[in-house]
Amino acid sequence: MDPQEGPKNYDLEERTYQFAKRVREFVRKLPRTVSNREGVVQVVRASGSVGANYIEANESLGKKDFLMHIKISRKESKESRYYLRLLDTGKTRKSRGKLVQESTELMNILGAILRKSE
């Protein structure tokens, strides 16, 4: 087996992509309430922005640009967690809990990258 494909290989771009994808799957199952309408839009945008800004950081033009995109990615992780917690989940609370946990973990990982890079 190629070492790049092993279970210990940790691709944060892929992890952020999977997070955004799982958020989209989750919101499709939510009750169609007035209170969920805006929250769904916000959480979909924020969750996608986590990975998009991480990719931008990896393609940065310099250290300052890298740090800015990592900070934005971390901020979007935090925003994703906020909107996930606000949504009326109906019978999908367990799924939400896993997504809240993932957004917290991403926030912590990005925070560690930021601390090590400054």
PDB file of N, CA and C in Angstrom:
ATOM      1  N   MET A   1       0.847  -1.181   0.000  1.00  0.00           N
ATOM      2  CA  MET A   1       0.000   0.000   0.000  1.00  0.00           C
ATOM      3  C   MET A   1       0.887   1.237   0.000  1.00  0.00           C
ATOM      4  N   ASP A   2       0.523   2.200  -0.788  1.00  0.00           N
ATOM      5  CA  ASP A   2       1.231   3.472  -0.850  1.00  0.00           C
ATOM      6  C   ASP A   2       1.077   4.201   0.489  1.00  0.00           C
ATOM      7  N   PRO A   3       2.180   4.689   1.097  1.00  0.00           N
ATOM      8  CA  PRO A   3       2.078   5.383   2.380  1.00  0.00           C
ATOM      9  C   PRO A   3       1.164   6.608   2.312  1.00  0.00           C
ATOM     10  N   GLN A   4       1.037   7.204   1.138  1.00  0.00           N
ATOM     11  CA  GLN A   4       0.170   8.374   0.981  1.00  0.00           C
ATOM     12  C   GLN A   4      -1.313   8.000   1.130  1.00  0.00           C
ATOM     13  N   GLU A   5      -1.641   6.719   0.928  1.00  0.00           N
ATOM     14  CA  GLU A   5      -3.033   6.294   0.971  1.00  0.00           C
ATOM     15  C   GLU A   5      -3.410   5.638   2.302  1.00  0.00           C
ATOM     16  N   GLY A   6      -2.468   5.520   3.208  1.00  0.00           N
ATOM     17  CA  GLY A   6      -2.717   4.841   4.471  1.00  0.00           C
ATOM     18  C   GLY A   6      -3.669   5.614   5.369  1.00  0.00           C
ATOM     19  N   PRO A   7      -4.218   4.933   6.385  1.00  0.00           N
ATOM     20  CA  PRO A   7      -5.181   5.570   7.271  1.00  0.00           C
ATOM     21  C   PRO A   7      -4.578   6.703   8.101  1.00  0.00           C
ATOM     22  N   LYS A   8      -3.246   6.734   8.235  1.00  0.00           N
ATOM     23  CA  LYS A   8      -2.622   7.791   9.026  1.00  0.00           C
ATOM     24  C   LYS A   8      -2.414   9.071   8.221  1.00  0.00           C
ATOM     25  N   ASN A   9      -2.592   8.984   6.900  1.00  0.00           N
ATOM     26  CA  ASN A   9      -2.495  10.191   6.077  1.00  0.00           C
ATOM     27  C   ASN A   9      -3.678  11.087   6.414  1.00  0.00           C
ATOM     28  N   TYR A  10      -3.392  12.322   6.760  1.00  0.00           N
ATOM     29  CA  TYR A  10      -4.438  13.210   7.218  1.00  0.00           C
ATOM     30  C   TYR A  10      -4.533  14.392   6.279  1.00  0.00           C
ATOM     31  N   ASP A  11      -5.505  14.390   5.411  1.00  0.00           N
ATOM     32  CA  ASP A  11      -5.678  15.421   4.409  1.00  0.00           C
ATOM     33  C   ASP A  11      -6.767  16.378   4.878  1.00  0.00           C
ATOM     34  N   LEU A  12      -6.350  17.534   5.364  1.00  0.00           N
ATOM     35  CA  LEU A  12      -7.307  18.501   5.899  1.00  0.00           C
ATOM     36  C   LEU A  12      -8.204  19.090   4.814  1.00  0.00           C
ATOM     37  N   GLU A  13      -7.703  19.193   3.594  1.00  0.00           N
ATOM     38  CA  GLU A  13      -8.565  19.649   2.495  1.00  0.00           C
ATOM     39  C   GLU A  13      -9.721  18.677   2.310  1.00  0.00           C
ATOM     40  N   GLU A  14      -9.430  17.397   2.326  1.00  0.00           N
ATOM     41  CA  GLU A  14     -10.489  16.386   2.164  1.00  0.00           C
ATOM     42  C   GLU A  14     -11.427  16.399   3.363  1.00  0.00           C
ATOM     43  N   ARG A  15     -10.881  16.556   4.550  1.00  0.00           N
ATOM     44  CA  ARG A  15     -11.725  16.568   5.750  1.00  0.00           C
ATOM     45  C   ARG A  15     -12.684  17.751   5.731  1.00  0.00           C
ATOM     46  N   THR A  16     -12.212  18.919   5.319  1.00  0.00           N
ATOM     47  CA  THR A  16     -13.096  20.078   5.264  1.00  0.00           C
ATOM     48  C   THR A  16     -14.145  19.907   4.167  1.00  0.00           C
ATOM     49  N   TYR A  17     -13.759  19.267   3.067  1.00  0.00           N
ATOM     50  CA  TYR A  17     -14.719  18.972   1.995  1.00  0.00           C
ATOM     51  C   TYR A  17     -15.813  18.034   2.511  1.00  0.00           C
ATOM     52  N   GLN A  18     -15.408  16.977   3.200  1.00  0.00           N
ATOM     53  CA  GLN A  18     -16.374  16.021   3.738  1.00  0.00           C
ATOM     54  C   GLN A  18     -17.298  16.678   4.757  1.00  0.00           C
ATOM     55  N   PHE A  19     -16.760  17.593   5.553  1.00  0.00           N
ATOM     56  CA  PHE A  19     -17.584  18.327   6.523  1.00  0.00           C
ATOM     57  C   PHE A  19     -18.668  19.114   5.793  1.00  0.00           C
ATOM     58  N   ALA A  20     -18.286  19.878   4.778  1.00  0.00           N
ATOM     59  CA  ALA A  20     -19.260  20.673   4.024  1.00  0.00           C
ATOM     60  C   ALA A  20     -20.293  19.764   3.355  1.00  0.00           C
ATOM     61  N   LYS A  21     -19.849  18.644   2.849  1.00  0.00           N
ATOM     62  CA  LYS A  21     -20.750  17.694   2.194  1.00  0.00           C
ATOM     63  C   LYS A  21     -21.754  17.114   3.204  1.00  0.00           C
ATOM     64  N   ARG A  22     -21.269  16.746   4.390  1.00  0.00           N
ATOM     65  CA  ARG A  22     -22.162  16.200   5.421  1.00  0.00           C
ATOM     66  C   ARG A  22     -23.154  17.248   5.923  1.00  0.00           C
ATOM     67  N   VAL A  23     -22.725  18.496   5.994  1.00  0.00           N
ATOM     68  CA  VAL A  23     -23.646  19.572   6.383  1.00  0.00           C
ATOM     69  C   VAL A  23     -24.777  19.662   5.364  1.00  0.00           C
ATOM     70  N   ARG A  24     -24.447  19.605   4.090  1.00  0.00           N
ATOM     71  CA  ARG A  24     -25.472  19.677   3.041  1.00  0.00           C
ATOM     72  C   ARG A  24     -26.442  18.505   3.108  1.00  0.00           C
ATOM     73  N   GLU A  25     -25.919  17.319   3.394  1.00  0.00           N
ATOM     74  CA  GLU A  25     -26.792  16.147   3.548  1.00  0.00           C
ATOM     75  C   GLU A  25     -27.704  16.320   4.765  1.00  0.00           C
ATOM     76  N   PHE A  26     -27.145  16.855   5.836  1.00  0.00           N
ATOM     77  CA  PHE A  26     -27.902  17.067   7.074  1.00  0.00           C
ATOM     78  C   PHE A  26     -29.054  18.055   6.870  1.00  0.00           C
ATOM     79  N   VAL A  27     -28.786  19.184   6.237  1.00  0.00           N
ATOM     80  CA  VAL A  27     -29.831  20.208   6.108  1.00  0.00           C
ATOM     81  C   VAL A  27     -30.978  19.746   5.212  1.00  0.00           C
ATOM     82  N   ARG A  28     -30.713  18.811   4.307  1.00  0.00           N
ATOM     83  CA  ARG A  28     -31.803  18.286   3.470  1.00  0.00           C
ATOM     84  C   ARG A  28     -32.845  17.537   4.299  1.00  0.00           C
ATOM     85  N   LYS A  29     -32.446  17.048   5.468  1.00  0.00           N
ATOM     86  CA  LYS A  29     -33.348  16.264   6.323  1.00  0.00           C
ATOM     87  C   LYS A  29     -34.073  17.106   7.370  1.00  0.00           C
ATOM     88  N   LEU A  30     -33.749  18.382   7.447  1.00  0.00           N
ATOM     89  CA  LEU A  30     -34.337  19.234   8.479  1.00  0.00           C
ATOM     90  C   LEU A  30     -35.785  19.605   8.169  1.00  0.00           C
ATOM     91  N   PRO A  31     -36.557  19.871   9.227  1.00  0.00           N
ATOM     92  CA  PRO A  31     -37.917  20.366   9.009  1.00  0.00           C
ATOM     93  C   PRO A  31     -37.875  21.707   8.276  1.00  0.00           C
ATOM     94  N   ARG A  32     -38.789  21.924   7.392  1.00  0.00           N
ATOM     95  CA  ARG A  32     -38.861  23.160   6.605  1.00  0.00           C
ATOM     96  C   ARG A  32     -39.618  24.221   7.405  1.00  0.00           C
ATOM     97  N   THR A  33     -38.939  24.798   8.377  1.00  0.00           N
ATOM     98  CA  THR A  33     -39.565  25.825   9.203  1.00  0.00           C
ATOM     99  C   THR A  33     -39.011  27.195   8.835  1.00  0.00           C
ATOM    100  N   VAL A  34     -39.742  28.223   9.225  1.00  0.00           N
ATOM    101  CA  VAL A  34     -39.293  29.588   8.970  1.00  0.00           C
ATOM    102  C   VAL A  34     -37.957  29.835   9.675  1.00  0.00           C
ATOM    103  N   SER A  35     -37.830  29.338  10.894  1.00  0.00           N
ATOM    104  CA  SER A  35     -36.589  29.574  11.648  1.00  0.00           C
ATOM    105  C   SER A  35     -35.391  28.866  11.021  1.00  0.00           C
ATOM    106  N   ASN A  36     -35.621  27.767  10.330  1.00  0.00           N
ATOM    107  CA  ASN A  36     -34.512  27.051   9.698  1.00  0.00           C
ATOM    108  C   ASN A  36     -34.074  27.670   8.382  1.00  0.00           C
ATOM    109  N   ARG A  37     -34.958  28.381   7.727  1.00  0.00           N
ATOM    110  CA  ARG A  37     -34.653  28.874   6.376  1.00  0.00           C
ATOM    111  C   ARG A  37     -33.334  29.657   6.328  1.00  0.00           C
ATOM    112  N   GLU A  38     -33.201  30.677   7.141  1.00  0.00           N
ATOM    113  CA  GLU A  38     -31.981  31.493   7.123  1.00  0.00           C
ATOM    114  C   GLU A  38     -30.788  30.745   7.703  1.00  0.00           C
ATOM    115  N   GLY A  39     -31.021  29.962   8.736  1.00  0.00           N
ATOM    116  CA  GLY A  39     -29.936  29.202   9.353  1.00  0.00           C
ATOM    117  C   GLY A  39     -29.312  28.208   8.393  1.00  0.00           C
ATOM    118  N   VAL A  40     -30.138  27.579   7.578  1.00  0.00           N
ATOM    119  CA  VAL A  40     -29.634  26.615   6.594  1.00  0.00           C
ATOM    120  C   VAL A  40     -28.725  27.313   5.592  1.00  0.00           C
ATOM    121  N   VAL A  41     -29.154  28.461   5.098  1.00  0.00           N
ATOM    122  CA  VAL A  41     -28.334  29.218   4.139  1.00  0.00           C
ATOM    123  C   VAL A  41     -26.997  29.571   4.777  1.00  0.00           C
ATOM    124  N   GLN A  42     -27.033  30.042   6.002  1.00  0.00           N
ATOM    125  CA  GLN A  42     -25.811  30.467   6.684  1.00  0.00           C
ATOM    126  C   GLN A  42     -24.865  29.292   6.947  1.00  0.00           C
ATOM    127  N   VAL A  43     -25.405  28.175   7.416  1.00  0.00           N
ATOM    128  CA  VAL A  43     -24.525  27.043   7.744  1.00  0.00           C
ATOM    129  C   VAL A  43     -23.946  26.410   6.481  1.00  0.00           C
ATOM    130  N   VAL A  44     -24.700  26.402   5.402  1.00  0.00           N
ATOM    131  CA  VAL A  44     -24.170  25.868   4.147  1.00  0.00           C
ATOM    132  C   VAL A  44     -23.028  26.752   3.653  1.00  0.00           C
ATOM    133  N   ARG A  45     -23.215  28.054   3.704  1.00  0.00           N
ATOM    134  CA  ARG A  45     -22.147  28.975   3.265  1.00  0.00           C
ATOM    135  C   ARG A  45     -20.915  28.853   4.141  1.00  0.00           C
ATOM    136  N   ALA A  46     -21.112  28.882   5.456  1.00  0.00           N
ATOM    137  CA  ALA A  46     -19.976  28.846   6.383  1.00  0.00           C
ATOM    138  C   ALA A  46     -19.209  27.527   6.274  1.00  0.00           C
ATOM    139  N   SER A  47     -19.937  26.414   6.191  1.00  0.00           N
ATOM    140  CA  SER A  47     -19.258  25.111   6.141  1.00  0.00           C
ATOM    141  C   SER A  47     -18.443  24.960   4.858  1.00  0.00           C
ATOM    142  N   GLY A  48     -18.932  25.478   3.754  1.00  0.00           N
ATOM    143  CA  GLY A  48     -18.173  25.439   2.507  1.00  0.00           C
ATOM    144  C   GLY A  48     -16.971  26.356   2.540  1.00  0.00           C
ATOM    145  N   SER A  49     -17.112  27.461   3.245  1.00  0.00           N
ATOM    146  CA  SER A  49     -16.046  28.446   3.334  1.00  0.00           C
ATOM    147  C   SER A  49     -14.859  27.948   4.163  1.00  0.00           C
ATOM    148  N   VAL A  50     -15.101  27.019   5.076  1.00  0.00           N
ATOM    149  CA  VAL A  50     -14.001  26.450   5.876  1.00  0.00           C
ATOM    150  C   VAL A  50     -12.951  25.862   4.943  1.00  0.00           C
ATOM    151  N   GLY A  51     -13.387  24.979   4.070  1.00  0.00           N
ATOM    152  CA  GLY A  51     -12.468  24.319   3.143  1.00  0.00           C
ATOM    153  C   GLY A  51     -11.937  25.243   2.072  1.00  0.00           C
ATOM    154  N   ALA A  52     -12.799  26.113   1.558  1.00  0.00           N
ATOM    155  CA  ALA A  52     -12.371  27.033   0.502  1.00  0.00           C
ATOM    156  C   ALA A  52     -11.236  27.928   0.992  1.00  0.00           C
ATOM    157  N   ASN A  53     -11.348  28.421   2.210  1.00  0.00           N
ATOM    158  CA  ASN A  53     -10.296  29.282   2.743  1.00  0.00           C
ATOM    159  C   ASN A  53      -9.051  28.495   3.124  1.00  0.00           C
ATOM    160  N   TYR A  54      -9.219  27.243   3.529  1.00  0.00           N
ATOM    161  CA  TYR A  54      -8.049  26.409   3.794  1.00  0.00           C
ATOM    162  C   TYR A  54      -7.275  26.167   2.496  1.00  0.00           C
ATOM    163  N   ILE A  55      -7.980  25.907   1.422  1.00  0.00           N
ATOM    164  CA  ILE A  55      -7.333  25.738   0.110  1.00  0.00           C
ATOM    165  C   ILE A  55      -6.619  27.026  -0.286  1.00  0.00           C
ATOM    166  N   GLU A  56      -7.282  28.161  -0.086  1.00  0.00           N
ATOM    167  CA  GLU A  56      -6.651  29.455  -0.379  1.00  0.00           C
ATOM    168  C   GLU A  56      -5.380  29.641   0.442  1.00  0.00           C
ATOM    169  N   ALA A  57      -5.409  29.226   1.701  1.00  0.00           N
ATOM    170  CA  ALA A  57      -4.218  29.340   2.557  1.00  0.00           C
ATOM    171  C   ALA A  57      -3.072  28.518   1.982  1.00  0.00           C
ATOM    172  N   ASN A  58      -3.387  27.326   1.504  1.00  0.00           N
ATOM    173  CA  ASN A  58      -2.356  26.461   0.937  1.00  0.00           C
ATOM    174  C   ASN A  58      -1.795  26.995  -0.373  1.00  0.00           C
ATOM    175  N   GLU A  59      -2.534  27.854  -1.026  1.00  0.00           N
ATOM    176  CA  GLU A  59      -2.091  28.455  -2.284  1.00  0.00           C
ATOM    177  C   GLU A  59      -1.671  29.918  -2.078  1.00  0.00           C
ATOM    178  N   SER A  60      -1.412  30.281  -0.842  1.00  0.00           N
ATOM    179  CA  SER A  60      -1.158  31.679  -0.501  1.00  0.00           C
ATOM    180  C   SER A  60       0.110  32.231  -1.161  1.00  0.00           C
ATOM    181  N   LEU A  61       0.138  33.543  -1.222  1.00  0.00           N
ATOM    182  CA  LEU A  61       1.256  34.247  -1.841  1.00  0.00           C
ATOM    183  C   LEU A  61       2.358  34.597  -0.845  1.00  0.00           C
ATOM    184  N   GLY A  62       2.099  34.350   0.407  1.00  0.00           N
ATOM    185  CA  GLY A  62       3.091  34.649   1.431  1.00  0.00           C
ATOM    186  C   GLY A  62       2.531  34.326   2.805  1.00  0.00           C
ATOM    187  N   LYS A  63       3.339  34.531   3.825  1.00  0.00           N
ATOM    188  CA  LYS A  63       2.944  34.175   5.185  1.00  0.00           C
ATOM    189  C   LYS A  63       1.729  34.971   5.656  1.00  0.00           C
ATOM    190  N   LYS A  64       1.711  36.250   5.371  1.00  0.00           N
ATOM    191  CA  LYS A  64       0.587  37.099   5.797  1.00  0.00           C
ATOM    192  C   LYS A  64      -0.724  36.622   5.168  1.00  0.00           C
ATOM    193  N   ASP A  65      -0.682  36.299   3.887  1.00  0.00           N
ATOM    194  CA  ASP A  65      -1.849  35.788   3.167  1.00  0.00           C
ATOM    195  C   ASP A  65      -2.281  34.435   3.744  1.00  0.00           C
ATOM    196  N   PHE A  66      -1.310  33.568   4.023  1.00  0.00           N
ATOM    197  CA  PHE A  66      -1.584  32.263   4.619  1.00  0.00           C
ATOM    198  C   PHE A  66      -2.309  32.418   5.951  1.00  0.00           C
ATOM    199  N   LEU A  67      -1.754  33.266   6.828  1.00  0.00           N
ATOM    200  CA  LEU A  67      -2.348  33.464   8.151  1.00  0.00           C
ATOM    201  C   LEU A  67      -3.762  34.024   8.059  1.00  0.00           C
ATOM    202  N   MET A  68      -3.983  34.949   7.138  1.00  0.00           N
ATOM    203  CA  MET A  68      -5.315  35.536   6.983  1.00  0.00           C
ATOM    204  C   MET A  68      -6.332  34.461   6.599  1.00  0.00           C
ATOM    205  N   HIS A  69      -5.986  33.594   5.657  1.00  0.00           N
ATOM    206  CA  HIS A  69      -6.937  32.574   5.211  1.00  0.00           C
ATOM    207  C   HIS A  69      -7.158  31.495   6.272  1.00  0.00           C
ATOM    208  N   ILE A  70      -6.133  31.170   7.034  1.00  0.00           N
ATOM    209  CA  ILE A  70      -6.307  30.219   8.141  1.00  0.00           C
ATOM    210  C   ILE A  70      -7.239  30.832   9.187  1.00  0.00           C
ATOM    211  N   LYS A  71      -7.062  32.106   9.492  1.00  0.00           N
ATOM    212  CA  LYS A  71      -7.945  32.783  10.455  1.00  0.00           C
ATOM    213  C   LYS A  71      -9.386  32.785   9.959  1.00  0.00           C
ATOM    214  N   ILE A  72      -9.584  33.058   8.687  1.00  0.00           N
ATOM    215  CA  ILE A  72     -10.939  33.059   8.126  1.00  0.00           C
ATOM    216  C   ILE A  72     -11.526  31.653   8.179  1.00  0.00           C
ATOM    217  N   SER A  73     -10.743  30.656   7.841  1.00  0.00           N
ATOM    218  CA  SER A  73     -11.212  29.277   7.885  1.00  0.00           C
ATOM    219  C   SER A  73     -11.635  28.898   9.304  1.00  0.00           C
ATOM    220  N   ARG A  74     -10.838  29.292  10.273  1.00  0.00           N
ATOM    221  CA  ARG A  74     -11.182  29.021  11.682  1.00  0.00           C
ATOM    222  C   ARG A  74     -12.465  29.744  12.068  1.00  0.00           C
ATOM    223  N   LYS A  75     -12.599  30.990  11.649  1.00  0.00           N
ATOM    224  CA  LYS A  75     -13.803  31.777  11.930  1.00  0.00           C
ATOM    225  C   LYS A  75     -15.038  31.120  11.321  1.00  0.00           C
ATOM    226  N   GLU A  76     -14.915  30.605  10.117  1.00  0.00           N
ATOM    227  CA  GLU A  76     -16.039  29.956   9.448  1.00  0.00           C
ATOM    228  C   GLU A  76     -16.398  28.638  10.142  1.00  0.00           C
ATOM    229  N   SER A  77     -15.415  27.949  10.705  1.00  0.00           N
ATOM    230  CA  SER A  77     -15.693  26.738  11.494  1.00  0.00           C
ATOM    231  C   SER A  77     -16.536  27.096  12.708  1.00  0.00           C
ATOM    232  N   LYS A  78     -16.148  28.182  13.351  1.00  0.00           N
ATOM    233  CA  LYS A  78     -16.875  28.647  14.526  1.00  0.00           C
ATOM    234  C   LYS A  78     -18.297  29.074  14.151  1.00  0.00           C
ATOM    235  N   GLU A  79     -18.437  29.758  13.026  1.00  0.00           N
ATOM    236  CA  GLU A  79     -19.752  30.187  12.551  1.00  0.00           C
ATOM    237  C   GLU A  79     -20.619  28.980  12.184  1.00  0.00           C
ATOM    238  N   SER A  80     -20.013  27.971  11.572  1.00  0.00           N
ATOM    239  CA  SER A  80     -20.749  26.740  11.242  1.00  0.00           C
ATOM    240  C   SER A  80     -21.314  26.113  12.512  1.00  0.00           C
ATOM    241  N   ARG A  81     -20.486  26.044  13.527  1.00  0.00           N
ATOM    242  CA  ARG A  81     -20.923  25.463  14.800  1.00  0.00           C
ATOM    243  C   ARG A  81     -22.094  26.259  15.382  1.00  0.00           C
ATOM    244  N   TYR A  82     -22.003  27.563  15.325  1.00  0.00           N
ATOM    245  CA  TYR A  82     -23.057  28.429  15.845  1.00  0.00           C
ATOM    246  C   TYR A  82     -24.395  28.159  15.151  1.00  0.00           C
ATOM    247  N   TYR A  83     -24.380  28.169  13.814  1.00  0.00           N
ATOM    248  CA  TYR A  83     -25.625  27.966  13.077  1.00  0.00           C
ATOM    249  C   TYR A  83     -26.145  26.533  13.205  1.00  0.00           C
ATOM    250  N   LEU A  84     -25.265  25.563  13.295  1.00  0.00           N
ATOM    251  CA  LEU A  84     -25.717  24.189  13.523  1.00  0.00           C
ATOM    252  C   LEU A  84     -26.482  24.092  14.839  1.00  0.00           C
ATOM    253  N   ARG A  85     -25.981  24.771  15.851  1.00  0.00           N
ATOM    254  CA  ARG A  85     -26.634  24.735  17.167  1.00  0.00           C
ATOM    255  C   ARG A  85     -27.981  25.438  17.158  1.00  0.00           C
ATOM    256  N   LEU A  86     -28.146  26.424  16.287  1.00  0.00           N
ATOM    257  CA  LEU A  86     -29.404  27.168  16.224  1.00  0.00           C
ATOM    258  C   LEU A  86     -30.523  26.447  15.484  1.00  0.00           C
ATOM    259  N   LEU A  87     -30.164  25.540  14.595  1.00  0.00           N
ATOM    260  CA  LEU A  87     -31.172  24.902  13.747  1.00  0.00           C
ATOM    261  C   LEU A  87     -32.143  24.041  14.544  1.00  0.00           C
ATOM    262  N   ASP A  88     -33.405  24.085  14.117  1.00  0.00           N
ATOM    263  CA  ASP A  88     -34.442  23.209  14.656  1.00  0.00           C
ATOM    264  C   ASP A  88     -34.259  21.860  13.978  1.00  0.00           C
ATOM    265  N   THR A  89     -33.787  20.875  14.723  1.00  0.00           N
ATOM    266  CA  THR A  89     -33.365  19.619  14.116  1.00  0.00           C
ATOM    267  C   THR A  89     -34.445  18.563  14.010  1.00  0.00           C
ATOM    268  N   GLY A  90     -35.538  18.722  14.710  1.00  0.00           N
ATOM    269  CA  GLY A  90     -36.539  17.656  14.686  1.00  0.00           C
ATOM    270  C   GLY A  90     -35.928  16.382  15.236  1.00  0.00           C
ATOM    271  N   LYS A  91     -35.866  15.339  14.421  1.00  0.00           N
ATOM    272  CA  LYS A  91     -35.360  14.036  14.869  1.00  0.00           C
ATOM    273  C   LYS A  91     -33.893  13.798  14.500  1.00  0.00           C
ATOM    274  N   THR A  92     -33.187  14.840  14.115  1.00  0.00           N
ATOM    275  CA  THR A  92     -31.800  14.666  13.640  1.00  0.00           C
ATOM    276  C   THR A  92     -30.767  15.215  14.618  1.00  0.00           C
ATOM    277  N   ARG A  93     -31.059  15.201  15.895  1.00  0.00           N
ATOM    278  CA  ARG A  93     -30.137  15.773  16.891  1.00  0.00           C
ATOM    279  C   ARG A  93     -28.791  15.066  16.951  1.00  0.00           C
ATOM    280  N   LYS A  94     -28.802  13.753  16.807  1.00  0.00           N
ATOM    281  CA  LYS A  94     -27.541  13.006  16.869  1.00  0.00           C
ATOM    282  C   LYS A  94     -26.622  13.418  15.715  1.00  0.00           C
ATOM    283  N   SER A  95     -27.187  13.554  14.530  1.00  0.00           N
ATOM    284  CA  SER A  95     -26.399  13.999  13.372  1.00  0.00           C
ATOM    285  C   SER A  95     -25.837  15.386  13.614  1.00  0.00           C
ATOM    286  N   ARG A  96     -26.663  16.260  14.170  1.00  0.00           N
ATOM    287  CA  ARG A  96     -26.184  17.617  14.457  1.00  0.00           C
ATOM    288  C   ARG A  96     -25.037  17.574  15.448  1.00  0.00           C
ATOM    289  N   GLY A  97     -25.145  16.764  16.462  1.00  0.00           N
ATOM    290  CA  GLY A  97     -24.085  16.671  17.467  1.00  0.00           C
ATOM    291  C   GLY A  97     -22.754  16.275  16.860  1.00  0.00           C
ATOM    292  N   LYS A  98     -22.775  15.351  15.906  1.00  0.00           N
ATOM    293  CA  LYS A  98     -21.541  14.937  15.237  1.00  0.00           C
ATOM    294  C   LYS A  98     -20.964  16.078  14.405  1.00  0.00           C
ATOM    295  N   LEU A  99     -21.826  16.836  13.759  1.00  0.00           N
ATOM    296  CA  LEU A  99     -21.352  17.979  12.953  1.00  0.00           C
ATOM    297  C   LEU A  99     -20.818  19.094  13.837  1.00  0.00           C
ATOM    298  N   VAL A 100     -21.466  19.331  14.966  1.00  0.00           N
ATOM    299  CA  VAL A 100     -20.966  20.338  15.917  1.00  0.00           C
ATOM    300  C   VAL A 100     -19.594  19.914  16.425  1.00  0.00           C
ATOM    301  N   GLN A 101     -19.446  18.629  16.732  1.00  0.00           N
ATOM    302  CA  GLN A 101     -18.147  18.121  17.191  1.00  0.00           C
ATOM    303  C   GLN A 101     -17.079  18.293  16.106  1.00  0.00           C
ATOM    304  N   GLU A 102     -17.425  17.971  14.864  1.00  0.00           N
ATOM    305  CA  GLU A 102     -16.468  18.108  13.762  1.00  0.00           C
ATOM    306  C   GLU A 102     -16.079  19.570  13.560  1.00  0.00           C
ATOM    307  N   SER A 103     -17.038  20.481  13.636  1.00  0.00           N
ATOM    308  CA  SER A 103     -16.701  21.896  13.465  1.00  0.00           C
ATOM    309  C   SER A 103     -15.783  22.367  14.593  1.00  0.00           C
ATOM    310  N   THR A 104     -15.994  21.866  15.796  1.00  0.00           N
ATOM    311  CA  THR A 104     -15.127  22.205  16.930  1.00  0.00           C
ATOM    312  C   THR A 104     -13.718  21.657  16.711  1.00  0.00           C
ATOM    313  N   GLU A 105     -13.634  20.419  16.233  1.00  0.00           N
ATOM    314  CA  GLU A 105     -12.320  19.826  15.964  1.00  0.00           C
ATOM    315  C   GLU A 105     -11.585  20.588  14.862  1.00  0.00           C
ATOM    316  N   LEU A 106     -12.301  20.958  13.808  1.00  0.00           N
ATOM    317  CA  LEU A 106     -11.678  21.741  12.740  1.00  0.00           C
ATOM    318  C   LEU A 106     -11.194  23.082  13.272  1.00  0.00           C
ATOM    319  N   MET A 107     -12.001  23.701  14.109  1.00  0.00           N
ATOM    320  CA  MET A 107     -11.621  24.970  14.715  1.00  0.00           C
ATOM    321  C   MET A 107     -10.328  24.815  15.522  1.00  0.00           C
ATOM    322  N   ASN A 108     -10.235  23.742  16.280  1.00  0.00           N
ATOM    323  CA  ASN A 108      -9.039  23.490  17.096  1.00  0.00           C
ATOM    324  C   ASN A 108      -7.814  23.202  16.238  1.00  0.00           C
ATOM    325  N   ILE A 109      -7.982  22.418  15.181  1.00  0.00           N
ATOM    326  CA  ILE A 109      -6.872  22.113  14.271  1.00  0.00           C
ATOM    327  C   ILE A 109      -6.374  23.387  13.605  1.00  0.00           C
ATOM    328  N   LEU A 110      -7.304  24.188  13.112  1.00  0.00           N
ATOM    329  CA  LEU A 110      -6.920  25.442  12.440  1.00  0.00           C
ATOM    330  C   LEU A 110      -6.280  26.415  13.426  1.00  0.00           C
ATOM    331  N   GLY A 111      -6.765  26.420  14.648  1.00  0.00           N
ATOM    332  CA  GLY A 111      -6.157  27.254  15.692  1.00  0.00           C
ATOM    333  C   GLY A 111      -4.727  26.823  15.987  1.00  0.00           C
ATOM    334  N   ALA A 112      -4.491  25.514  15.997  1.00  0.00           N
ATOM    335  CA  ALA A 112      -3.130  25.001  16.221  1.00  0.00           C
ATOM    336  C   ALA A 112      -2.210  25.374  15.059  1.00  0.00           C
ATOM    337  N   ILE A 113      -2.720  25.277  13.833  1.00  0.00           N
ATOM    338  CA  ILE A 113      -1.928  25.677  12.663  1.00  0.00           C
ATOM    339  C   ILE A 113      -1.578  27.151  12.790  1.00  0.00           C
ATOM    340  N   LEU A 114      -2.534  27.937  13.196  1.00  0.00           N
ATOM    341  CA  LEU A 114      -2.319  29.381  13.337  1.00  0.00           C
ATOM    342  C   LEU A 114      -1.244  29.671  14.395  1.00  0.00           C
ATOM    343  N   ARG A 115      -1.348  29.039  15.541  1.00  0.00           N
ATOM    344  CA  ARG A 115      -0.357  29.266  16.616  1.00  0.00           C
ATOM    345  C   ARG A 115       1.049  28.859  16.185  1.00  0.00           C
ATOM    346  N   LYS A 116       1.157  27.743  15.485  1.00  0.00           N
ATOM    347  CA  LYS A 116       2.467  27.261  15.046  1.00  0.00           C
ATOM    348  C   LYS A 116       3.053  28.111  13.929  1.00  0.00           C
ATOM    349  N   SER A 117       2.185  28.795  13.203  1.00  0.00           N
ATOM    350  CA  SER A 117       2.638  29.570  12.039  1.00  0.00           C
ATOM    351  C   SER A 117       2.975  31.018  12.363  1.00  0.00           C
ATOM    352  N   GLU A 118       2.483  31.499  13.494  1.00  0.00           N
ATOM    353  CA  GLU A 118       2.715  32.929  13.825  1.00  0.00           C
ATOM    354  C   GLU A 118       4.083  33.156  14.407  1.00  0.00           C
TER     355      GLU A 118
END
